PDB file of all heavy atoms in Angstrom:
ATOM      1  N   SER A   1      -2.553   4.902   3.613  1.00  0.00           N
ATOM      2  CA  SER A   1      -3.255   4.294   4.745  1.00  0.00           C
ATOM      3  C   SER A   1      -4.489   3.586   4.202  1.00  0.00           C
ATOM      4  O   SER A   1      -5.466   4.236   3.826  1.00  0.00           O
ATOM      5  CB  SER A   1      -3.645   5.378   5.760  1.00  0.00           C
ATOM      6  OG  SER A   1      -4.469   4.862   6.776  1.00  0.00           O
ATOM      7  N   THR A   2      -4.464   2.257   4.154  1.00  0.00           N
ATOM      8  CA  THR A   2      -5.494   1.515   3.431  1.00  0.00           C
ATOM      9  C   THR A   2      -6.673   1.120   4.317  1.00  0.00           C
ATOM     10  O   THR A   2      -6.531   0.936   5.526  1.00  0.00           O
ATOM     11  CB  THR A   2      -4.906   0.265   2.772  1.00  0.00           C
ATOM     12  OG1 THR A   2      -4.387  -0.605   3.790  1.00  0.00           O
ATOM     13  CG2 THR A   2      -3.808   0.632   1.808  1.00  0.00           C
ATOM     14  N   SER A   3      -7.834   0.942   3.658  1.00  0.00           N
ATOM     15  CA  SER A   3      -9.074   0.698   4.393  1.00  0.00           C
ATOM     16  C   SER A   3      -9.606  -0.720   4.291  1.00  0.00           C
ATOM     17  O   SER A   3     -10.425  -1.119   5.122  1.00  0.00           O
ATOM     18  CB  SER A   3     -10.160   1.667   3.912  1.00  0.00           C
ATOM     19  OG  SER A   3     -10.432   1.475   2.526  1.00  0.00           O
ATOM     20  N   ASP A   4      -9.202  -1.479   3.280  1.00  0.00           N
ATOM     21  CA  ASP A   4      -9.723  -2.844   3.166  1.00  0.00           C
ATOM     22  C   ASP A   4      -8.774  -3.735   2.375  1.00  0.00           C
ATOM     23  O   ASP A   4      -7.696  -3.291   1.934  1.00  0.00           O
ATOM     24  CB  ASP A   4     -11.141  -2.837   2.576  1.00  0.00           C
ATOM     25  CG  ASP A   4     -11.176  -2.828   1.043  1.00  0.00           C
ATOM     26  OD1 ASP A   4     -10.204  -2.348   0.413  1.00  0.00           O
ATOM     27  OD2 ASP A   4     -12.182  -3.294   0.471  1.00  0.00           O
ATOM     28  N   ASP A   5      -9.195  -4.963   2.181  1.00  0.00           N
ATOM     29  CA  ASP A   5      -8.387  -5.971   1.491  1.00  0.00           C
ATOM     30  C   ASP A   5      -8.055  -5.572   0.052  1.00  0.00           C
ATOM     31  O   ASP A   5      -6.895  -5.601  -0.367  1.00  0.00           O
ATOM     32  CB  ASP A   5      -9.157  -7.300   1.512  1.00  0.00           C
ATOM     33  CG  ASP A   5      -8.521  -8.373   0.656  1.00  0.00           C
ATOM     34  OD1 ASP A   5      -7.416  -8.810   0.987  1.00  0.00           O
ATOM     35  OD2 ASP A   5      -9.138  -8.774  -0.356  1.00  0.00           O
ATOM     36  N   THR A   6      -9.073  -5.188  -0.704  1.00  0.00           N
ATOM     37  CA  THR A   6      -8.879  -4.829  -2.113  1.00  0.00           C
ATOM     38  C   THR A   6      -7.908  -3.671  -2.250  1.00  0.00           C
ATOM     39  O   THR A   6      -6.987  -3.701  -3.081  1.00  0.00           O
ATOM     40  CB  THR A   6     -10.233  -4.444  -2.758  1.00  0.00           C
ATOM     41  OG1 THR A   6     -11.162  -5.508  -2.555  1.00  0.00           O
ATOM     42  CG2 THR A   6     -10.079  -4.175  -4.244  1.00  0.00           C
ATOM     43  N   GLN A   7      -8.117  -2.653  -1.439  1.00  0.00           N
ATOM     44  CA  GLN A   7      -7.275  -1.462  -1.522  1.00  0.00           C
ATOM     45  C   GLN A   7      -5.835  -1.747  -1.103  1.00  0.00           C
ATOM     46  O   GLN A   7      -4.885  -1.207  -1.686  1.00  0.00           O
ATOM     47  CB  GLN A   7      -7.868  -0.361  -0.642  1.00  0.00           C
ATOM     48  CG  GLN A   7      -7.298   1.019  -0.894  1.00  0.00           C
ATOM     49  CD  GLN A   7      -7.989   2.048  -0.036  1.00  0.00           C
ATOM     50  OE1 GLN A   7      -7.635   2.252   1.123  1.00  0.00           O
ATOM     51  NE2 GLN A   7      -9.014   2.697  -0.588  1.00  0.00           N
ATOM     52  N   THR A   8      -5.666  -2.612  -0.118  1.00  0.00           N
ATOM     53  CA  THR A   8      -4.317  -2.942   0.350  1.00  0.00           C
ATOM     54  C   THR A   8      -3.528  -3.672  -0.726  1.00  0.00           C
ATOM     55  O   THR A   8      -2.347  -3.373  -0.960  1.00  0.00           O
ATOM     56  CB  THR A   8      -4.378  -3.793   1.627  1.00  0.00           C
ATOM     57  OG1 THR A   8      -5.076  -3.062   2.644  1.00  0.00           O
ATOM     58  CG2 THR A   8      -2.976  -4.132   2.128  1.00  0.00           C
ATOM     59  N   ARG A   9      -4.169  -4.621  -1.389  1.00  0.00           N
ATOM     60  CA  ARG A   9      -3.472  -5.351  -2.447  1.00  0.00           C
ATOM     61  C   ARG A   9      -3.057  -4.417  -3.582  1.00  0.00           C
ATOM     62  O   ARG A   9      -1.961  -4.537  -4.135  1.00  0.00           O
ATOM     63  CB  ARG A   9      -4.357  -6.490  -2.954  1.00  0.00           C
ATOM     64  CG  ARG A   9      -4.427  -7.636  -1.955  1.00  0.00           C
ATOM     65  CD  ARG A   9      -5.161  -8.859  -2.465  1.00  0.00           C
ATOM     66  NE  ARG A   9      -6.619  -8.733  -2.326  1.00  0.00           N
ATOM     67  CZ  ARG A   9      -7.459  -8.597  -3.335  1.00  0.00           C
ATOM     68  NH1 ARG A   9      -6.999  -8.558  -4.577  1.00  0.00           N
ATOM     69  NH2 ARG A   9      -8.749  -8.498  -3.124  1.00  0.00           N
ATOM     70  N   TRP A  10      -3.928  -3.452  -3.903  1.00  0.00           N
ATOM     71  CA  TRP A  10      -3.570  -2.441  -4.899  1.00  0.00           C
ATOM     72  C   TRP A  10      -2.390  -1.604  -4.411  1.00  0.00           C
ATOM     73  O   TRP A  10      -1.445  -1.335  -5.167  1.00  0.00           O
ATOM     74  CB  TRP A  10      -4.770  -1.518  -5.171  1.00  0.00           C
ATOM     75  CG  TRP A  10      -4.368  -0.206  -5.755  1.00  0.00           C
ATOM     76  CD1 TRP A  10      -4.047   0.061  -7.053  1.00  0.00           C
ATOM     77  CD2 TRP A  10      -4.188   1.027  -5.039  1.00  0.00           C
ATOM     78  NE1 TRP A  10      -3.697   1.382  -7.191  1.00  0.00           N
ATOM     79  CE2 TRP A  10      -3.769   1.988  -5.973  1.00  0.00           C
ATOM     80  CE3 TRP A  10      -4.350   1.404  -3.704  1.00  0.00           C
ATOM     81  CZ2 TRP A  10      -3.504   3.320  -5.602  1.00  0.00           C
ATOM     82  CZ3 TRP A  10      -4.084   2.709  -3.335  1.00  0.00           C
ATOM     83  CH2 TRP A  10      -3.665   3.646  -4.283  1.00  0.00           C
ATOM     84  N   ALA A  11      -2.439  -1.179  -3.153  1.00  0.00           N
ATOM     85  CA  ALA A  11      -1.412  -0.287  -2.615  1.00  0.00           C
ATOM     86  C   ALA A  11      -0.026  -0.930  -2.621  1.00  0.00           C
ATOM     87  O   ALA A  11       0.973  -0.263  -2.916  1.00  0.00           O
ATOM     88  CB  ALA A  11      -1.781   0.143  -1.196  1.00  0.00           C
ATOM     89  N   ILE A  12       0.041  -2.211  -2.310  1.00  0.00           N
ATOM     90  CA  ILE A  12       1.342  -2.891  -2.280  1.00  0.00           C
ATOM     91  C   ILE A  12       1.927  -2.990  -3.686  1.00  0.00           C
ATOM     92  O   ILE A  12       3.125  -2.749  -3.902  1.00  0.00           O
ATOM     93  CB  ILE A  12       1.214  -4.282  -1.630  1.00  0.00           C
ATOM     94  CG1 ILE A  12       0.712  -4.158  -0.175  1.00  0.00           C
ATOM     95  CG2 ILE A  12       2.540  -5.021  -1.677  1.00  0.00           C
ATOM     96  CD1 ILE A  12       1.461  -3.148   0.675  1.00  0.00           C
ATOM     97  N   GLU A  13       1.083  -3.298  -4.641  1.00  0.00           N
ATOM     98  CA  GLU A  13       1.566  -3.343  -6.023  1.00  0.00           C
ATOM     99  C   GLU A  13       1.997  -1.954  -6.495  1.00  0.00           C
ATOM    100  O   GLU A  13       3.041  -1.795  -7.139  1.00  0.00           O
ATOM    101  CB  GLU A  13       0.473  -3.888  -6.948  1.00  0.00           C
ATOM    102  CG  GLU A  13       0.950  -4.032  -8.391  1.00  0.00           C
ATOM    103  CD  GLU A  13      -0.047  -4.735  -9.282  1.00  0.00           C
ATOM    104  OE1 GLU A  13      -1.050  -5.265  -8.773  1.00  0.00           O
ATOM    105  OE2 GLU A  13       0.202  -4.775 -10.506  1.00  0.00           O
ATOM    106  N   GLU A  14       1.213  -0.939  -6.148  1.00  0.00           N
ATOM    107  CA  GLU A  14       1.530   0.431  -6.560  1.00  0.00           C
ATOM    108  C   GLU A  14       2.816   0.915  -5.902  1.00  0.00           C
ATOM    109  O   GLU A  14       3.632   1.594  -6.524  1.00  0.00           O
ATOM    110  CB  GLU A  14       0.368   1.362  -6.193  1.00  0.00           C
ATOM    111  CG  GLU A  14       0.376   2.700  -6.906  1.00  0.00           C
ATOM    112  CD  GLU A  14       0.196   2.582  -8.402  1.00  0.00           C
ATOM    113  OE1 GLU A  14      -0.438   1.612  -8.875  1.00  0.00           O
ATOM    114  OE2 GLU A  14       0.695   3.469  -9.117  1.00  0.00           O
ATOM    115  N   ALA A  15       2.996   0.555  -4.643  1.00  0.00           N
ATOM    116  CA  ALA A  15       4.217   0.956  -3.927  1.00  0.00           C
ATOM    117  C   ALA A  15       5.456   0.409  -4.615  1.00  0.00           C
ATOM    118  O   ALA A  15       6.499   1.072  -4.668  1.00  0.00           O
ATOM    119  CB  ALA A  15       4.157   0.467  -2.483  1.00  0.00           C
ATOM    120  N   SER A  16       5.348  -0.797  -5.168  1.00  0.00           N
ATOM    121  CA  SER A  16       6.501  -1.410  -5.842  1.00  0.00           C
ATOM    122  C   SER A  16       6.876  -0.663  -7.119  1.00  0.00           C
ATOM    123  O   SER A  16       8.015  -0.758  -7.583  1.00  0.00           O
ATOM    124  CB  SER A  16       6.202  -2.876  -6.170  1.00  0.00           C
ATOM    125  OG  SER A  16       5.269  -2.988  -7.231  1.00  0.00           O
ATOM    126  N   LYS A  17       5.926   0.084  -7.684  1.00  0.00           N
ATOM    127  CA  LYS A  17       6.173   0.809  -8.939  1.00  0.00           C
ATOM    128  C   LYS A  17       6.739   2.205  -8.701  1.00  0.00           C
ATOM    129  O   LYS A  17       7.351   2.794  -9.599  1.00  0.00           O
ATOM    130  CB  LYS A  17       4.875   0.936  -9.729  1.00  0.00           C
ATOM    131  CG  LYS A  17       4.247  -0.383 -10.137  1.00  0.00           C
ATOM    132  CD  LYS A  17       2.886  -0.152 -10.780  1.00  0.00           C
ATOM    133  CE  LYS A  17       2.175  -1.441 -11.094  1.00  0.00           C
ATOM    134  NZ  LYS A  17       0.796  -1.198 -11.609  1.00  0.00           N
ATOM    135  N   ILE A  18       6.502   2.757  -7.511  1.00  0.00           N
ATOM    136  CA  ILE A  18       6.977   4.110  -7.199  1.00  0.00           C
ATOM    137  C   ILE A  18       8.480   4.066  -6.946  1.00  0.00           C
ATOM    138  O   ILE A  18       8.966   3.214  -6.194  1.00  0.00           O
ATOM    139  CB  ILE A  18       6.256   4.664  -5.956  1.00  0.00           C
ATOM    140  CG1 ILE A  18       4.758   4.835  -6.233  1.00  0.00           C
ATOM    141  CG2 ILE A  18       6.866   6.002  -5.508  1.00  0.00           C
ATOM    142  CD1 ILE A  18       3.937   5.165  -5.005  1.00  0.00           C
ATOM    143  N   GLU A  19       9.219   4.960  -7.559  1.00  0.00           N
ATOM    144  CA  GLU A  19      10.664   5.037  -7.334  1.00  0.00           C
ATOM    145  C   GLU A  19      10.901   5.988  -6.171  1.00  0.00           C
ATOM    146  O   GLU A  19      10.811   7.202  -6.312  1.00  0.00           O
ATOM    147  CB  GLU A  19      11.373   5.536  -8.592  1.00  0.00           C
ATOM    148  CG  GLU A  19      12.904   5.493  -8.507  1.00  0.00           C
ATOM    149  CD  GLU A  19      13.464   4.081  -8.370  1.00  0.00           C
ATOM    150  OE1 GLU A  19      12.877   3.139  -8.957  1.00  0.00           O
ATOM    151  OE2 GLU A  19      14.498   3.922  -7.681  1.00  0.00           O
ATOM    152  N   GLY A  20      11.181   5.434  -4.999  1.00  0.00           N
ATOM    153  CA  GLY A  20      11.403   6.270  -3.831  1.00  0.00           C
ATOM    154  C   GLY A  20      10.715   5.708  -2.603  1.00  0.00           C
ATOM    155  O   GLY A  20      10.034   4.678  -2.664  1.00  0.00           O
ATOM    156  N   PRO A  21      10.865   6.366  -1.464  1.00  0.00           N
ATOM    157  CA  PRO A  21      10.330   5.859  -0.203  1.00  0.00           C
ATOM    158  C   PRO A  21       8.803   5.873  -0.164  1.00  0.00           C
ATOM    159  O   PRO A  21       8.163   6.814  -0.633  1.00  0.00           O
ATOM    160  CB  PRO A  21      10.888   6.843   0.835  1.00  0.00           C
ATOM    161  CG  PRO A  21      11.989   7.595   0.152  1.00  0.00           C
ATOM    162  CD  PRO A  21      11.637   7.614  -1.292  1.00  0.00           C
ATOM    163  N   VAL A  22       8.238   4.816   0.416  1.00  0.00           N
ATOM    164  CA  VAL A  22       6.796   4.728   0.622  1.00  0.00           C
ATOM    165  C   VAL A  22       6.539   4.196   2.030  1.00  0.00           C
ATOM    166  O   VAL A  22       7.199   3.243   2.468  1.00  0.00           O
ATOM    167  CB  VAL A  22       6.115   3.794  -0.404  1.00  0.00           C
ATOM    168  CG1 VAL A  22       4.603   3.731  -0.147  1.00  0.00           C
ATOM    169  CG2 VAL A  22       6.393   4.246  -1.828  1.00  0.00           C
ATOM    170  N   TYR A  23       5.587   4.805   2.724  1.00  0.00           N
ATOM    171  CA  TYR A  23       5.135   4.301   4.023  1.00  0.00           C
ATOM    172  C   TYR A  23       3.698   3.840   3.861  1.00  0.00           C
ATOM    173  O   TYR A  23       2.835   4.606   3.446  1.00  0.00           O
ATOM    174  CB  TYR A  23       5.210   5.396   5.097  1.00  0.00           C
ATOM    175  CG  TYR A  23       4.771   4.937   6.478  1.00  0.00           C
ATOM    176  CD1 TYR A  23       5.646   4.226   7.294  1.00  0.00           C
ATOM    177  CD2 TYR A  23       3.498   5.219   6.970  1.00  0.00           C
ATOM    178  CE1 TYR A  23       5.265   3.800   8.560  1.00  0.00           C
ATOM    179  CE2 TYR A  23       3.101   4.793   8.232  1.00  0.00           C
ATOM    180  CZ  TYR A  23       3.995   4.091   9.028  1.00  0.00           C
ATOM    181  OH  TYR A  23       3.612   3.666  10.281  1.00  0.00           O
ATOM    182  N   VAL A  24       3.436   2.571   4.170  1.00  0.00           N
ATOM    183  CA  VAL A  24       2.082   2.015   4.092  1.00  0.00           C
ATOM    184  C   VAL A  24       1.644   1.650   5.500  1.00  0.00           C
ATOM    185  O   VAL A  24       2.292   0.848   6.180  1.00  0.00           O
ATOM    186  CB  VAL A  24       2.016   0.775   3.180  1.00  0.00           C
ATOM    187  CG1 VAL A  24       0.568   0.269   3.096  1.00  0.00           C
ATOM    188  CG2 VAL A  24       2.552   1.091   1.787  1.00  0.00           C
ATOM    189  N   ARG A  25       0.530   2.237   5.930  1.00  0.00           N
ATOM    190  CA  ARG A  25       0.005   2.000   7.286  1.00  0.00           C
ATOM    191  C   ARG A  25      -1.039   0.884   7.237  1.00  0.00           C
ATOM    192  O   ARG A  25      -2.019   0.962   6.518  1.00  0.00           O
ATOM    193  CB  ARG A  25      -0.628   3.289   7.815  1.00  0.00           C
ATOM    194  CG  ARG A  25      -1.037   3.243   9.281  1.00  0.00           C
ATOM    195  CD  ARG A  25      -1.686   4.563   9.676  1.00  0.00           C
ATOM    196  NE  ARG A  25      -1.470   4.876  11.069  1.00  0.00           N
ATOM    197  CZ  ARG A  25      -2.447   4.998  11.967  1.00  0.00           C
ATOM    198  NH1 ARG A  25      -3.696   4.812  11.616  1.00  0.00           N
ATOM    199  NH2 ARG A  25      -2.164   5.299  13.222  1.00  0.00           N
ATOM    200  N   LEU A  26      -0.834  -0.144   8.055  1.00  0.00           N
ATOM    201  CA  LEU A  26      -1.705  -1.320   8.067  1.00  0.00           C
ATOM    202  C   LEU A  26      -2.212  -1.599   9.480  1.00  0.00           C
ATOM    203  O   LEU A  26      -1.566  -1.232  10.470  1.00  0.00           O
ATOM    204  CB  LEU A  26      -0.946  -2.535   7.539  1.00  0.00           C
ATOM    205  CG  LEU A  26      -0.375  -2.381   6.121  1.00  0.00           C
ATOM    206  CD1 LEU A  26       0.677  -3.445   5.849  1.00  0.00           C
ATOM    207  CD2 LEU A  26      -1.483  -2.440   5.086  1.00  0.00           C
ATOM    208  N   ALA A  27      -3.358  -2.265   9.577  1.00  0.00           N
ATOM    209  CA  ALA A  27      -3.994  -2.482  10.869  1.00  0.00           C
ATOM    210  C   ALA A  27      -3.909  -3.928  11.329  1.00  0.00           C
ATOM    211  O   ALA A  27      -3.756  -4.849  10.533  1.00  0.00           O
ATOM    212  CB  ALA A  27      -5.462  -2.056  10.795  1.00  0.00           C
ATOM    213  N   ARG A  28      -4.047  -4.107  12.624  1.00  0.00           N
ATOM    214  CA  ARG A  28      -4.165  -5.451  13.198  1.00  0.00           C
ATOM    215  C   ARG A  28      -5.594  -5.974  13.060  1.00  0.00           C
ATOM    216  O   ARG A  28      -5.819  -7.150  12.801  1.00  0.00           O
ATOM    217  CB  ARG A  28      -3.796  -5.385  14.686  1.00  0.00           C
ATOM    218  CG  ARG A  28      -3.999  -6.696  15.431  1.00  0.00           C
ATOM    219  CD  ARG A  28      -3.816  -6.489  16.921  1.00  0.00           C
ATOM    220  NE  ARG A  28      -3.777  -7.756  17.642  1.00  0.00           N
ATOM    221  CZ  ARG A  28      -3.660  -7.849  18.956  1.00  0.00           C
ATOM    222  NH1 ARG A  28      -3.559  -6.753  19.691  1.00  0.00           N
ATOM    223  NH2 ARG A  28      -3.636  -9.022  19.540  1.00  0.00           N
TER     224      ARG A  28
END
C-alpha cells in the first residue's frame, strides 16, 4: 500500500521481480 509517487514507482518495479501474486493498493 504505497504513500507517494517515489514509493509507487519502486513498488511496481519490485512487484515485477517477485515470483508470485502481489496486490498493490493505489489511490485516486
